[in-house]
Amino acid sequence: MRVRFGDHIDLCQRVTYNNSFFIFVTNVYGKVYTVDCKNEITASKLYEEVLINGYLDVSEFDYY
């Protein structure tokens, strides 16, 4: 799946979510991103979106 983080898009091999946080592991560098969705409802909706579309834009959320 592809995930947009602000000014770049990474190909990710794994996505998980727990409560209001997403965790992405990228393919190329094995980098791990944690995205704060602020609440579990938003995280759940985004999770469904990435399952259906194979793409997710998390640029509007805090991530590190």
Protein backbone atom coordinates (compact mmCIF):
# COMPACT_ATOMS: atom_id res chain seq x y z
CA MET A 1 0.00 0.00 0.00
CA ARG A 2 1.06 3.58 -0.53
CA VAL A 3 0.97 6.14 2.26
CA ARG A 4 1.50 9.86 1.84
CA PHE A 5 3.42 11.57 4.62
CA GLY A 6 3.41 15.29 3.84
CA ASP A 7 5.91 15.77 1.01
CA HIS A 8 6.62 12.11 0.21
CA ILE A 9 4.85 8.84 -0.48
CA ASP A 10 6.20 5.54 0.87
CA LEU A 11 5.37 2.01 -0.08
CA CYS A 12 4.46 0.26 3.17
CA GLN A 13 4.49 -3.44 3.90
CA ARG A 14 2.61 -3.37 7.18
CA VAL A 15 -0.06 -1.22 8.81
CA THR A 16 -1.53 -1.75 12.25
CA TYR A 17 -3.63 0.41 14.49
CA ASN A 18 -4.31 0.44 18.19
CA ASN A 19 -6.76 2.91 19.71
CA SER A 20 -5.98 6.22 18.01
CA PHE A 21 -2.52 5.36 16.64
CA PHE A 22 -1.47 3.88 13.30
CA ILE A 23 1.89 2.21 12.85
CA PHE A 24 3.34 1.91 9.33
CA VAL A 25 6.47 0.00 8.33
CA THR A 26 7.95 1.08 4.99
CA ASN A 27 9.31 -1.34 2.39
CA VAL A 28 12.39 0.49 1.25
CA TYR A 29 14.13 1.54 4.43
CA GLY A 30 12.22 -0.42 7.06
CA LYS A 31 11.37 2.89 8.69
CA VAL A 32 8.54 2.87 11.22
CA TYR A 33 6.05 5.76 11.32
CA THR A 34 3.54 6.30 14.10
CA VAL A 35 0.52 8.45 13.22
CA ASP A 36 -1.66 10.06 15.90
CA CYS A 37 -5.28 10.01 14.62
CA LYS A 38 -6.51 11.66 17.86
CA ASN A 39 -9.34 9.14 18.40
CA GLU A 40 -10.26 5.54 17.74
CA ILE A 41 -13.18 6.37 15.41
CA THR A 42 -10.93 8.26 13.00
CA ALA A 43 -8.31 5.51 13.15
CA SER A 44 -10.93 2.88 12.38
CA LYS A 45 -12.27 4.84 9.38
CA LEU A 46 -8.77 5.36 7.99
CA TYR A 47 -8.00 1.68 8.44
CA GLU A 48 -11.07 0.75 6.38
CA GLU A 49 -10.04 3.31 3.75
CA VAL A 50 -6.56 1.86 3.36
CA LEU A 51 -8.00 -1.67 3.08
CA ILE A 52 -10.35 -0.62 0.29
CA ASN A 53 -8.14 1.81 -1.65
CA GLY A 54 -4.60 0.62 -0.93
CA TYR A 55 -3.67 4.29 -0.44
CA LEU A 56 -3.86 6.64 2.51
CA ASP A 57 -2.91 10.30 3.01
CA VAL A 58 -1.95 10.99 6.62
CA SER A 59 -0.42 14.42 5.95
CA GLU A 60 -2.97 16.23 8.12
CA PHE A 61 -2.08 14.19 11.21
CA ASP A 62 0.92 14.35 13.51
CA TYR A 63 3.37 11.59 12.74
CA TYR A 64 6.87 10.71 13.82
